[in-house]
Amino acid sequence: YYNQNGTMMPMYCVEPGKSLSTGDNIALLSYISELTNSTLTNTLDIEKMLGRLFLYAYTNEASSATEQMSQYFASQLLVWEIVVGERDEFFNHVSNQNGSNVTDVLQSMNSSVASKVKSYYDSYVTSMQNNLKIPSFCKLRANSAETYTVSANGTVTLTDTNNVLSSFTVSVTNGSATVSGNMLTIKADDAKTAVVTLSK
């Protein structure tokens, strides 16, 4: 499509395998509900994941140049993987339960082109996985959070083996916390449970 400056921009398909005539439309939620892979079934989770992807994927001017087309195609493959359920909440690949995977289309391409697309694809995957890393002692959702017992002085120290703690802001109710490198020390208020939330 052309943006307000008259620049031709790439568009991405979010419903692979759906035949739609001109003027037809389909709700993303109804499309997702028909899929057999159920890694990211919540529409909001999928929208967030697509938003994160385009921090790294191709969003520049549409072009037929080899480099730009390779970046575009790699980005499109990842968009499809997200919406068909081939990526989990940490962007790990989940094999398609129907037997074939999105990246199988690379086998039908010229090997040098496929290699270039795969290089960008791998780069975007690495960037996404790094973006989604959380401290090793954390859980993504509150209802699955770990519980830790404090020592006699009311503190507990946790070490982040993923080395990403410095990218997060720490907030605490019923206590306080200090960060030193990859170590988080939590002090609970007397006779209370401290609840710690990390946000990025």
Protein backbone atom coordinates (compact mmCIF):
# COMPACT_ATOMS: atom_id res chain seq x y z
CA TYR A 1 0.00 0.00 0.00
CA TYR A 2 1.05 3.65 -0.28
CA ASN A 3 1.48 5.68 2.90
CA GLN A 4 0.59 9.38 3.28
CA ASN A 5 3.97 10.33 1.78
CA GLY A 6 3.33 8.27 -1.35
CA THR A 7 5.88 5.61 -0.34
CA MET A 8 4.98 2.02 -1.18
CA MET A 9 4.99 -0.03 2.05
CA PRO A 10 4.81 -3.82 2.50
CA MET A 11 1.65 -5.52 3.76
CA TYR A 12 1.52 -8.81 5.66
CA CYS A 13 -0.99 -11.64 5.44
CA VAL A 14 -2.24 -12.77 8.87
CA GLU A 15 -4.57 -15.56 7.73
CA PRO A 16 -2.51 -18.12 5.78
CA GLY A 17 -4.44 -20.67 3.78
CA LYS A 18 -7.74 -18.76 3.88
CA SER A 19 -9.34 -18.13 0.49
CA LEU A 20 -11.06 -14.76 0.52
CA SER A 21 -12.70 -13.01 -2.42
CA THR A 22 -12.44 -9.25 -2.88
CA GLY A 23 -14.57 -7.58 -0.22
CA ASP A 24 -14.65 -10.63 2.08
CA ASN A 25 -13.22 -10.48 5.58
CA ILE A 26 -12.68 -12.82 8.50
CA ALA A 27 -12.24 -12.02 12.17
CA LEU A 28 -8.79 -12.99 13.44
CA LEU A 29 -10.35 -14.55 16.56
CA SER A 30 -12.56 -16.90 14.53
CA TYR A 31 -9.58 -17.85 12.37
CA ILE A 32 -7.45 -18.61 15.45
CA SER A 33 -10.21 -20.69 17.07
CA GLU A 34 -10.13 -23.08 14.09
CA LEU A 35 -6.43 -23.88 14.45
CA THR A 36 -5.19 -27.16 15.90
CA ASN A 37 -2.05 -25.68 17.49
CA SER A 38 -3.07 -23.91 20.67
CA THR A 39 0.09 -22.16 21.88
CA LEU A 40 -1.14 -18.56 21.48
CA THR A 41 -4.93 -18.75 21.28
CA ASN A 42 -5.75 -15.48 22.99
CA THR A 43 -6.16 -12.72 20.38
CA LEU A 44 -4.55 -10.16 22.70
CA ASP A 45 -1.48 -12.41 23.15
CA ILE A 46 -1.17 -12.76 19.38
CA GLU A 47 -1.51 -9.01 18.85
CA LYS A 48 1.20 -8.36 21.45
CA MET A 49 3.49 -10.94 19.85
CA LEU A 50 2.97 -9.42 16.39
CA GLY A 51 3.71 -5.98 17.84
CA ARG A 52 6.96 -7.26 19.36
CA LEU A 53 7.93 -8.93 16.09
CA PHE A 54 7.80 -5.64 14.23
CA LEU A 55 10.35 -4.13 16.59
CA TYR A 56 12.78 -6.29 14.60
CA ALA A 57 11.07 -7.46 11.40
CA TYR A 58 10.92 -5.63 8.07
CA THR A 59 8.90 -2.41 8.07
CA ASN A 60 10.80 -0.36 5.51
CA GLU A 61 9.74 0.62 1.99
CA ALA A 62 8.51 -2.17 -0.28
CA SER A 63 11.25 -3.14 -2.72
CA SER A 64 12.08 -5.89 -5.19
CA ALA A 65 15.76 -5.78 -4.18
CA THR A 66 17.06 -9.15 -2.95
CA GLU A 67 18.00 -8.02 0.57
CA GLN A 68 14.70 -6.23 1.21
CA MET A 69 12.62 -9.06 -0.26
CA SER A 70 14.51 -11.59 1.87
CA GLN A 71 13.81 -9.54 5.00
CA TYR A 72 10.16 -9.16 4.02
CA PHE A 73 9.73 -12.87 3.35
CA ALA A 74 11.44 -13.84 6.62
CA SER A 75 9.09 -11.47 8.45
CA GLN A 76 6.02 -12.93 6.70
CA LEU A 77 7.03 -16.47 7.72
CA LEU A 78 7.21 -15.39 11.37
CA VAL A 79 3.84 -13.61 11.16
CA TRP A 80 2.32 -16.86 9.91
CA GLU A 81 4.05 -18.91 12.62
CA ILE A 82 2.60 -16.64 15.29
CA VAL A 83 -0.99 -16.79 14.05
CA VAL A 84 -1.05 -20.52 13.30
CA GLY A 85 0.36 -21.42 16.71
CA GLU A 86 3.92 -22.41 15.79
CA ARG A 87 5.40 -19.99 18.38
CA ASP A 88 4.89 -20.10 22.14
CA GLU A 89 4.90 -17.23 24.65
CA PHE A 90 8.73 -17.20 24.70
CA PHE A 91 8.93 -17.47 20.89
CA ASN A 92 10.16 -21.05 20.90
CA HIS A 93 9.09 -23.03 17.82
CA VAL A 94 6.21 -25.47 18.25
CA SER A 95 5.84 -28.07 15.49
CA ASN A 96 2.57 -27.91 13.60
CA GLN A 97 0.26 -30.72 14.68
CA ASN A 98 -0.96 -31.06 11.08
CA GLY A 99 2.46 -32.30 10.00
CA SER A 100 3.86 -29.44 7.91
CA ASN A 101 5.47 -26.26 9.18
CA VAL A 102 5.42 -22.72 7.81
CA THR A 103 9.14 -22.82 7.00
CA ASP A 104 8.63 -25.86 4.74
CA VAL A 105 7.94 -23.35 1.95
CA LEU A 106 11.67 -22.53 1.93
CA GLN A 107 12.33 -25.95 0.38
CA SER A 108 10.64 -24.86 -2.85
CA MET A 109 12.86 -21.78 -3.22
CA ASN A 110 16.21 -21.38 -4.94
CA SER A 111 18.74 -22.48 -2.31
CA SER A 112 20.69 -19.20 -2.30
CA VAL A 113 17.48 -17.19 -1.84
CA ALA A 114 16.21 -19.60 0.83
CA SER A 115 19.53 -19.30 2.64
CA LYS A 116 19.31 -15.50 2.69
CA VAL A 117 15.69 -15.59 3.94
CA LYS A 118 16.64 -18.14 6.63
CA SER A 119 19.49 -15.90 7.80
CA TYR A 120 17.10 -12.98 8.44
CA TYR A 121 14.51 -15.36 9.90
CA ASP A 122 17.07 -16.71 12.40
CA SER A 123 18.18 -13.18 13.29
CA TYR A 124 14.59 -12.06 13.99
CA VAL A 125 13.94 -15.19 16.08
CA THR A 126 17.03 -14.53 18.21
CA SER A 127 16.02 -10.89 18.74
CA MET A 128 12.49 -11.93 19.72
CA GLN A 129 13.68 -14.59 22.15
CA ASN A 130 16.07 -12.13 23.79
CA ASN A 131 13.26 -9.57 24.06
CA LEU A 132 11.00 -12.12 25.77
CA LYS A 133 13.56 -13.42 28.30
CA ILE A 134 12.57 -12.92 31.92
CA PRO A 135 14.65 -13.40 35.07
CA SER A 136 15.09 -17.10 35.80
CA PHE A 137 13.25 -16.90 39.14
CA CYS A 138 10.15 -15.27 37.57
CA LYS A 139 7.02 -16.59 35.93
CA LEU A 140 5.19 -14.83 33.14
CA ARG A 141 1.83 -14.75 34.96
CA ALA A 142 0.99 -14.00 38.59
CA ASN A 143 -1.08 -17.17 39.08
CA SER A 144 1.98 -19.34 38.42
CA ALA A 145 4.51 -17.27 40.42
CA GLU A 146 7.01 -18.98 42.69
CA THR A 147 6.84 -18.64 46.48
CA TYR A 148 10.07 -18.16 48.42
CA THR A 149 10.67 -18.40 52.18
CA VAL A 150 12.58 -15.57 53.80
CA SER A 151 15.38 -16.09 56.31
CA ALA A 152 15.20 -15.16 60.02
CA ASN A 153 15.96 -11.52 59.17
CA GLY A 154 13.05 -11.40 56.73
CA THR A 155 15.08 -11.44 53.51
CA VAL A 156 15.64 -13.73 50.54
CA THR A 157 18.14 -13.25 47.70
CA LEU A 158 17.39 -14.60 44.23
CA THR A 159 19.93 -14.93 41.41
CA ASP A 160 18.92 -14.43 37.79
CA THR A 161 20.81 -16.99 35.70
CA ASN A 162 19.28 -15.52 32.51
CA ASN A 163 21.27 -12.29 33.10
CA VAL A 164 18.37 -9.96 32.22
CA LEU A 165 17.41 -8.56 35.64
CA SER A 166 18.90 -5.13 34.85
CA SER A 167 16.32 -4.68 32.06
CA PHE A 168 13.43 -4.80 34.54
CA THR A 169 11.87 -2.42 37.04
CA VAL A 170 11.06 -3.96 40.44
CA SER A 171 8.06 -3.01 42.57
CA VAL A 172 7.11 -4.55 45.92
CA THR A 173 4.06 -4.52 48.16
CA ASN A 174 4.51 -5.45 51.84
CA GLY A 175 8.26 -5.13 51.63
CA SER A 176 11.23 -3.70 49.76
CA ALA A 177 13.79 -4.90 47.23
CA THR A 178 17.29 -4.06 46.06
CA VAL A 179 19.04 -5.11 42.87
CA SER A 180 22.77 -5.76 42.65
CA GLY A 181 23.88 -7.10 39.28
CA ASN A 182 21.91 -10.30 38.71
CA MET A 183 20.82 -10.61 42.36
CA LEU A 184 17.49 -9.43 43.73
CA THR A 185 17.23 -9.17 47.52
CA ILE A 186 13.69 -8.95 48.89
CA LYS A 187 12.84 -7.95 52.45
CA ALA A 188 9.32 -8.74 53.62
CA ASP A 189 7.50 -6.58 56.15
CA ASP A 190 7.01 -8.28 59.52
CA ALA A 191 4.37 -11.03 59.44
CA LYS A 192 3.45 -10.21 55.84
CA THR A 193 3.95 -11.76 52.42
CA ALA A 194 5.91 -9.53 50.08
CA VAL A 195 4.62 -9.54 46.50
CA VAL A 196 7.22 -8.66 43.88
CA THR A 197 6.40 -7.55 40.35
CA LEU A 198 8.97 -7.07 37.60
CA SER A 199 8.09 -5.06 34.52
CA LYS A 200 9.98 -4.24 31.37
